[in-house]
All heavy atoms as atom14 arrays in JSON, in Angstrom:
{
  "sequence": "KSKEGEISLDLTGKKAGRGAYVCKNAECLKKARK",
  "atom14_mask": [
    [1, 1, 1, 1, 1, 1, 1, 1, 1, 0, 0, 0, 0, 0],
    [1, 1, 1, 1, 1, 1, 0, 0, 0, 0, 0, 0, 0, 0],
    [1, 1, 1, 1, 1, 1, 1, 1, 1, 0, 0, 0, 0, 0],
    [1, 1, 1, 1, 1, 1, 1, 1, 1, 0, 0, 0, 0, 0],
    [1, 1, 1, 1, 0, 0, 0, 0, 0, 0, 0, 0, 0, 0],
    [1, 1, 1, 1, 1, 1, 1, 1, 1, 0, 0, 0, 0, 0],
    [1, 1, 1, 1, 1, 1, 1, 1, 0, 0, 0, 0, 0, 0],
    [1, 1, 1, 1, 1, 1, 0, 0, 0, 0, 0, 0, 0, 0],
    [1, 1, 1, 1, 1, 1, 1, 1, 0, 0, 0, 0, 0, 0],
    [1, 1, 1, 1, 1, 1, 1, 1, 0, 0, 0, 0, 0, 0],
    [1, 1, 1, 1, 1, 1, 1, 1, 0, 0, 0, 0, 0, 0],
    [1, 1, 1, 1, 1, 1, 1, 0, 0, 0, 0, 0, 0, 0],
    [1, 1, 1, 1, 0, 0, 0, 0, 0, 0, 0, 0, 0, 0],
    [1, 1, 1, 1, 1, 1, 1, 1, 1, 0, 0, 0, 0, 0],
    [1, 1, 1, 1, 1, 1, 1, 1, 1, 0, 0, 0, 0, 0],
    [1, 1, 1, 1, 1, 0, 0, 0, 0, 0, 0, 0, 0, 0],
    [1, 1, 1, 1, 0, 0, 0, 0, 0, 0, 0, 0, 0, 0],
    [1, 1, 1, 1, 1, 1, 1, 1, 1, 1, 1, 0, 0, 0],
    [1, 1, 1, 1, 0, 0, 0, 0, 0, 0, 0, 0, 0, 0],
    [1, 1, 1, 1, 1, 0, 0, 0, 0, 0, 0, 0, 0, 0],
    [1, 1, 1, 1, 1, 1, 1, 1, 1, 1, 1, 1, 0, 0],
    [1, 1, 1, 1, 1, 1, 1, 0, 0, 0, 0, 0, 0, 0],
    [1, 1, 1, 1, 1, 1, 0, 0, 0, 0, 0, 0, 0, 0],
    [1, 1, 1, 1, 1, 1, 1, 1, 1, 0, 0, 0, 0, 0],
    [1, 1, 1, 1, 1, 1, 1, 1, 0, 0, 0, 0, 0, 0],
    [1, 1, 1, 1, 1, 0, 0, 0, 0, 0, 0, 0, 0, 0],
    [1, 1, 1, 1, 1, 1, 1, 1, 1, 0, 0, 0, 0, 0],
    [1, 1, 1, 1, 1, 1, 0, 0, 0, 0, 0, 0, 0, 0],
    [1, 1, 1, 1, 1, 1, 1, 1, 0, 0, 0, 0, 0, 0],
    [1, 1, 1, 1, 1, 1, 1, 1, 1, 0, 0, 0, 0, 0],
    [1, 1, 1, 1, 1, 1, 1, 1, 1, 0, 0, 0, 0, 0],
    [1, 1, 1, 1, 1, 0, 0, 0, 0, 0, 0, 0, 0, 0],
    [1, 1, 1, 1, 1, 1, 1, 1, 1, 1, 1, 0, 0, 0],
    [1, 1, 1, 1, 1, 1, 1, 1, 1, 0, 0, 0, 0, 0]
  ],
  "atom14_positions": [
    [[-0.76, 5.3, -16.89], [0.11, 4.42, -16.15], [0.96, 5.09, -15.24], [1.8, 5.96, -15.65], [0.85, 3.65, -17.14], [1.87, 2.6, -16.5], [2.82, 1.99, -17.49], [3.94, 1.19, -16.81], [4.99, 0.78, -17.77], [0.0, 0.0, 0.0], [0.0, 0.0, 0.0], [0.0, 0.0, 0.0], [0.0, 0.0, 0.0], [0.0, 0.0, 0.0]],
    [[0.84, 4.84, -13.92], [1.67, 5.46, -12.92], [2.99, 4.92, -12.85], [3.3, 3.85, -13.51], [1.07, 5.45, -11.47], [0.98, 4.04, -11.03], [0.0, 0.0, 0.0], [0.0, 0.0, 0.0], [0.0, 0.0, 0.0], [0.0, 0.0, 0.0], [0.0, 0.0, 0.0], [0.0, 0.0, 0.0], [0.0, 0.0, 0.0], [0.0, 0.0, 0.0]],
    [[3.91, 5.52, -12.16], [5.29, 5.03, -11.99], [5.35, 3.67, -11.24], [6.26, 2.83, -11.63], [6.12, 6.02, -11.23], [6.47, 7.19, -11.96], [7.57, 8.03, -11.18], [7.86, 9.13, -12.1], [9.2, 9.76, -11.8], [0.0, 0.0, 0.0], [0.0, 0.0, 0.0], [0.0, 0.0, 0.0], [0.0, 0.0, 0.0], [0.0, 0.0, 0.0]],
    [[4.24, 3.35, -10.52], [4.3, 2.09, -9.91], [3.64, 0.98, -10.81], [3.69, -0.21, -10.4], [3.31, 2.12, -8.56], [3.9, 2.98, -7.52], [3.63, 4.51, -7.74], [2.55, 4.9, -8.29], [4.51, 5.34, -7.43], [0.0, 0.0, 0.0], [0.0, 0.0, 0.0], [0.0, 0.0, 0.0], [0.0, 0.0, 0.0], [0.0, 0.0, 0.0]],
    [[3.25, 1.36, -11.98], [2.62, 0.39, -12.91], [1.23, 0.2, -12.91], [0.71, -0.61, -13.44], [0.0, 0.0, 0.0], [0.0, 0.0, 0.0], [0.0, 0.0, 0.0], [0.0, 0.0, 0.0], [0.0, 0.0, 0.0], [0.0, 0.0, 0.0], [0.0, 0.0, 0.0], [0.0, 0.0, 0.0], [0.0, 0.0, 0.0], [0.0, 0.0, 0.0]],
    [[0.44, 1.08, -12.16], [-0.95, 1.01, -12.04], [-1.63, 1.66, -13.15], [-1.32, 2.78, -13.36], [-1.39, 1.56, -10.58], [-2.81, 1.47, -10.33], [-3.19, 2.22, -9.04], [-2.39, 2.23, -8.18], [-4.32, 2.77, -8.99], [0.0, 0.0, 0.0], [0.0, 0.0, 0.0], [0.0, 0.0, 0.0], [0.0, 0.0, 0.0], [0.0, 0.0, 0.0]],
    [[-2.58, 1.02, -13.7], [-3.42, 1.64, -14.86], [-4.72, 2.11, -14.29], [-5.47, 1.4, -13.51], [-3.71, 0.53, -15.94], [-2.41, -0.19, -16.3], [-4.44, 1.16, -17.05], [-1.43, 0.72, -17.18], [0.0, 0.0, 0.0], [0.0, 0.0, 0.0], [0.0, 0.0, 0.0], [0.0, 0.0, 0.0], [0.0, 0.0, 0.0], [0.0, 0.0, 0.0]],
    [[-5.06, 3.36, -14.66], [-6.31, 3.97, -14.18], [-6.92, 4.93, -15.21], [-5.96, 5.46, -16.11], [-6.2, 4.54, -12.8], [-5.36, 5.57, -12.78], [0.0, 0.0, 0.0], [0.0, 0.0, 0.0], [0.0, 0.0, 0.0], [0.0, 0.0, 0.0], [0.0, 0.0, 0.0], [0.0, 0.0, 0.0], [0.0, 0.0, 0.0], [0.0, 0.0, 0.0]],
    [[-8.08, 5.4, -15.13], [-8.65, 6.44, -15.89], [-8.3, 7.7, -15.22], [-8.38, 7.77, -14.0], [-10.07, 6.21, -16.0], [-10.73, 5.27, -16.96], [-12.19, 5.45, -17.07], [-10.17, 5.43, -18.34], [0.0, 0.0, 0.0], [0.0, 0.0, 0.0], [0.0, 0.0, 0.0], [0.0, 0.0, 0.0], [0.0, 0.0, 0.0], [0.0, 0.0, 0.0]],
    [[-7.93, 8.69, -16.03], [-7.78, 10.06, -15.55], [-8.73, 11.04, -16.16], [-8.51, 11.52, -17.18], [-6.27, 10.46, -15.93], [-5.96, 11.88, -15.38], [-6.67, 12.35, -14.62], [-4.91, 12.3, -15.82], [0.0, 0.0, 0.0], [0.0, 0.0, 0.0], [0.0, 0.0, 0.0], [0.0, 0.0, 0.0], [0.0, 0.0, 0.0], [0.0, 0.0, 0.0]],
    [[-9.9, 11.13, -15.47], [-10.87, 11.99, -16.01], [-10.65, 13.54, -15.94], [-11.15, 14.24, -16.68], [-12.28, 11.75, -15.26], [-12.78, 10.32, -15.3], [-14.06, 10.12, -14.48], [-13.08, 9.96, -16.78], [0.0, 0.0, 0.0], [0.0, 0.0, 0.0], [0.0, 0.0, 0.0], [0.0, 0.0, 0.0], [0.0, 0.0, 0.0], [0.0, 0.0, 0.0]],
    [[-9.67, 13.95, -15.06], [-9.25, 15.35, -15.06], [-8.11, 15.67, -16.02], [-8.01, 16.8, -16.34], [-8.75, 15.6, -13.59], [-7.59, 14.85, -13.38], [-9.88, 15.3, -12.49], [0.0, 0.0, 0.0], [0.0, 0.0, 0.0], [0.0, 0.0, 0.0], [0.0, 0.0, 0.0], [0.0, 0.0, 0.0], [0.0, 0.0, 0.0], [0.0, 0.0, 0.0]],
    [[-7.34, 14.66, -16.42], [-6.22, 14.86, -17.34], [-4.97, 15.47, -16.68], [-4.1, 15.97, -17.35], [0.0, 0.0, 0.0], [0.0, 0.0, 0.0], [0.0, 0.0, 0.0], [0.0, 0.0, 0.0], [0.0, 0.0, 0.0], [0.0, 0.0, 0.0], [0.0, 0.0, 0.0], [0.0, 0.0, 0.0], [0.0, 0.0, 0.0], [0.0, 0.0, 0.0]],
    [[-4.91, 15.37, -15.31], [-3.82, 15.98, -14.67], [-2.97, 14.93, -13.83], [-1.94, 15.38, -13.16], [-4.37, 16.98, -13.65], [-5.07, 18.11, -14.38], [-5.33, 19.27, -13.48], [-6.16, 20.26, -14.08], [-5.61, 21.03, -15.09], [0.0, 0.0, 0.0], [0.0, 0.0, 0.0], [0.0, 0.0, 0.0], [0.0, 0.0, 0.0], [0.0, 0.0, 0.0]],
    [[-3.35, 13.63, -13.86], [-2.46, 12.66, -13.14], [-1.14, 12.5, -13.71], [-0.94, 12.7, -14.84], [-3.2, 11.39, -13.13], [-4.36, 11.18, -12.17], [-4.84, 9.77, -12.2], [-6.03, 9.56, -11.35], [-6.5, 8.23, -11.32], [0.0, 0.0, 0.0], [0.0, 0.0, 0.0], [0.0, 0.0, 0.0], [0.0, 0.0, 0.0], [0.0, 0.0, 0.0]],
    [[-0.17, 12.27, -12.85], [1.25, 12.1, -13.39], [1.48, 10.66, -13.98], [0.73, 9.77, -13.5], [2.15, 12.19, -12.25], [0.0, 0.0, 0.0], [0.0, 0.0, 0.0], [0.0, 0.0, 0.0], [0.0, 0.0, 0.0], [0.0, 0.0, 0.0], [0.0, 0.0, 0.0], [0.0, 0.0, 0.0], [0.0, 0.0, 0.0], [0.0, 0.0, 0.0]],
    [[2.17, 10.53, -15.04], [2.4, 9.21, -15.66], [2.15, 9.26, -17.15], [1.8, 10.32, -17.72], [0.0, 0.0, 0.0], [0.0, 0.0, 0.0], [0.0, 0.0, 0.0], [0.0, 0.0, 0.0], [0.0, 0.0, 0.0], [0.0, 0.0, 0.0], [0.0, 0.0, 0.0], [0.0, 0.0, 0.0], [0.0, 0.0, 0.0], [0.0, 0.0, 0.0]],
    [[2.41, 8.1, -17.75], [2.27, 7.95, -19.22], [0.83, 7.82, -19.51], [0.04, 7.1, -18.86], [3.09, 6.61, -19.66], [2.91, 6.13, -20.98], [3.82, 6.76, -21.93], [3.77, 6.17, -23.24], [3.77, 6.84, -24.29], [4.07, 8.16, -24.31], [3.68, 6.34, -25.5], [0.0, 0.0, 0.0], [0.0, 0.0, 0.0], [0.0, 0.0, 0.0]],
    [[0.42, 8.56, -20.63], [-1.01, 8.6, -20.91], [-1.27, 8.09, -22.29], [-0.53, 8.17, -23.16], [0.0, 0.0, 0.0], [0.0, 0.0, 0.0], [0.0, 0.0, 0.0], [0.0, 0.0, 0.0], [0.0, 0.0, 0.0], [0.0, 0.0, 0.0], [0.0, 0.0, 0.0], [0.0, 0.0, 0.0], [0.0, 0.0, 0.0], [0.0, 0.0, 0.0]],
    [[-2.49, 7.51, -22.43], [-3.07, 7.17, -23.74], [-4.51, 7.61, -23.73], [-5.14, 7.7, -22.64], [-2.85, 5.7, -24.07], [0.0, 0.0, 0.0], [0.0, 0.0, 0.0], [0.0, 0.0, 0.0], [0.0, 0.0, 0.0], [0.0, 0.0, 0.0], [0.0, 0.0, 0.0], [0.0, 0.0, 0.0], [0.0, 0.0, 0.0], [0.0, 0.0, 0.0]],
    [[-5.08, 7.92, -24.84], [-6.44, 8.52, -25.01], [-7.48, 7.6, -25.72], [-7.04, 6.85, -26.54], [-6.41, 9.87, -25.62], [-5.68, 10.84, -24.85], [-4.25, 10.9, -24.92], [-6.3, 11.76, -23.94], [-3.56, 11.96, -24.13], [-5.66, 12.75, -23.18], [-4.25, 12.83, -23.33], [-3.57, 13.7, -22.57], [0.0, 0.0, 0.0], [0.0, 0.0, 0.0]],
    [[-8.71, 7.66, -25.24], [-9.71, 6.86, -25.78], [-11.03, 7.67, -25.78], [-11.22, 8.58, -24.94], [-9.85, 5.47, -25.09], [-10.48, 5.69, -23.68], [-10.78, 4.53, -25.87], [0.0, 0.0, 0.0], [0.0, 0.0, 0.0], [0.0, 0.0, 0.0], [0.0, 0.0, 0.0], [0.0, 0.0, 0.0], [0.0, 0.0, 0.0], [0.0, 0.0, 0.0]],
    [[-11.89, 7.5, -26.75], [-13.16, 8.15, -26.79], [-13.92, 7.83, -25.58], [-13.78, 6.87, -24.99], [-13.93, 7.83, -28.09], [-13.19, 8.32, -29.65], [0.0, 0.0, 0.0], [0.0, 0.0, 0.0], [0.0, 0.0, 0.0], [0.0, 0.0, 0.0], [0.0, 0.0, 0.0], [0.0, 0.0, 0.0], [0.0, 0.0, 0.0], [0.0, 0.0, 0.0]],
    [[-14.99, 8.7, -25.3], [-15.92, 8.38, -24.14], [-17.02, 7.48, -24.5], [-18.13, 7.7, -24.09], [-16.46, 9.71, -23.69], [-15.49, 10.61, -23.02], [-16.16, 11.96, -22.47], [-15.12, 12.77, -21.93], [-15.71, 13.99, -21.41], [0.0, 0.0, 0.0], [0.0, 0.0, 0.0], [0.0, 0.0, 0.0], [0.0, 0.0, 0.0], [0.0, 0.0, 0.0]],
    [[-16.73, 6.48, -25.27], [-17.8, 5.38, -25.61], [-17.2, 4.0, -25.36], [-15.97, 3.76, -25.6], [-18.47, 5.64, -26.89], [-17.59, 5.4, -28.07], [-16.82, 4.54, -28.18], [-17.69, 6.37, -29.07], [0.0, 0.0, 0.0], [0.0, 0.0, 0.0], [0.0, 0.0, 0.0], [0.0, 0.0, 0.0], [0.0, 0.0, 0.0], [0.0, 0.0, 0.0]],
    [[-18.02, 3.15, -25.12], [-17.59, 1.76, -24.7], [-17.09, 1.03, -25.99], [-16.21, 0.14, -25.91], [-18.73, 0.95, -24.18], [0.0, 0.0, 0.0], [0.0, 0.0, 0.0], [0.0, 0.0, 0.0], [0.0, 0.0, 0.0], [0.0, 0.0, 0.0], [0.0, 0.0, 0.0], [0.0, 0.0, 0.0], [0.0, 0.0, 0.0], [0.0, 0.0, 0.0]],
    [[-17.61, 1.43, -27.23], [-17.15, 0.71, -28.44], [-15.66, 1.01, -28.78], [-14.9, 0.05, -29.11], [-18.02, 1.27, -29.64], [-19.38, 0.62, -29.64], [-19.31, -0.85, -29.88], [-18.63, -1.47, -30.72], [-20.09, -1.57, -29.01], [0.0, 0.0, 0.0], [0.0, 0.0, 0.0], [0.0, 0.0, 0.0], [0.0, 0.0, 0.0], [0.0, 0.0, 0.0]],
    [[-15.17, 2.2, -28.49], [-13.76, 2.53, -28.78], [-12.9, 1.8, -27.83], [-11.86, 1.33, -28.06], [-13.51, 4.0, -28.77], [-14.02, 4.82, -30.26], [0.0, 0.0, 0.0], [0.0, 0.0, 0.0], [0.0, 0.0, 0.0], [0.0, 0.0, 0.0], [0.0, 0.0, 0.0], [0.0, 0.0, 0.0], [0.0, 0.0, 0.0], [0.0, 0.0, 0.0]],
    [[-13.31, 1.63, -26.49], [-12.67, 0.97, -25.5], [-12.53, -0.52, -25.87], [-11.48, -1.07, -25.75], [-13.18, 1.06, -24.18], [-12.48, 0.44, -23.03], [-11.12, 1.06, -22.84], [-13.2, 0.57, -21.7], [0.0, 0.0, 0.0], [0.0, 0.0, 0.0], [0.0, 0.0, 0.0], [0.0, 0.0, 0.0], [0.0, 0.0, 0.0], [0.0, 0.0, 0.0]],
    [[-13.65, -1.07, -26.48], [-13.59, -2.55, -26.86], [-12.56, -2.66, -28.02], [-11.85, -3.65, -28.14], [-14.95, -2.91, -27.25], [-15.85, -3.15, -26.09], [-17.28, -3.52, -26.46], [-18.18, -3.64, -25.26], [-19.57, -3.85, -25.64], [0.0, 0.0, 0.0], [0.0, 0.0, 0.0], [0.0, 0.0, 0.0], [0.0, 0.0, 0.0], [0.0, 0.0, 0.0]],
    [[-12.56, -1.7, -28.98], [-11.63, -1.8, -30.07], [-10.21, -1.75, -29.63], [-9.35, -2.4, -30.02], [-11.91, -0.67, -31.06], [-13.21, -0.82, -31.96], [-13.35, 0.33, -32.86], [-14.63, 0.29, -33.53], [-14.79, 1.61, -34.38], [0.0, 0.0, 0.0], [0.0, 0.0, 0.0], [0.0, 0.0, 0.0], [0.0, 0.0, 0.0], [0.0, 0.0, 0.0]],
    [[-9.94, -0.85, -28.72], [-8.59, -0.58, -28.12], [-8.18, -1.9, -27.38], [-7.03, -2.34, -27.52], [-8.54, 0.51, -27.23], [0.0, 0.0, 0.0], [0.0, 0.0, 0.0], [0.0, 0.0, 0.0], [0.0, 0.0, 0.0], [0.0, 0.0, 0.0], [0.0, 0.0, 0.0], [0.0, 0.0, 0.0], [0.0, 0.0, 0.0], [0.0, 0.0, 0.0]],
    [[-9.14, -2.55, -26.68], [-8.84, -3.78, -26.07], [-8.47, -4.94, -26.92], [-7.65, -5.71, -26.77], [-9.96, -4.2, -25.07], [-9.78, -5.42, -24.31], [-10.86, -5.73, -23.3], [-10.61, -6.88, -22.45], [-11.4, -7.29, -21.56], [-12.57, -6.75, -21.4], [-11.08, -8.29, -20.82], [0.0, 0.0, 0.0], [0.0, 0.0, 0.0], [0.0, 0.0, 0.0]],
    [[-9.36, -4.99, -28.05], [-9.08, -6.03, -29.09], [-7.84, -5.91, -29.8], [-7.08, -6.93, -30.07], [-10.32, -5.92, -30.03], [-10.25, -7.07, -31.09], [-11.53, -7.11, -31.88], [-11.44, -8.25, -32.89], [-12.56, -8.27, -33.84], [0.0, 0.0, 0.0], [0.0, 0.0, 0.0], [0.0, 0.0, 0.0], [0.0, 0.0, 0.0], [0.0, 0.0, 0.0]]
  ]
}
């Protein structure tokens, strides 16, 4: 989450902002969304 409030994926791991992590599979993303 950037300072402007924009949510995006950071595949490099170097973007500035608050971070949360998820596995590289769609199932974990669905669980996190639920």
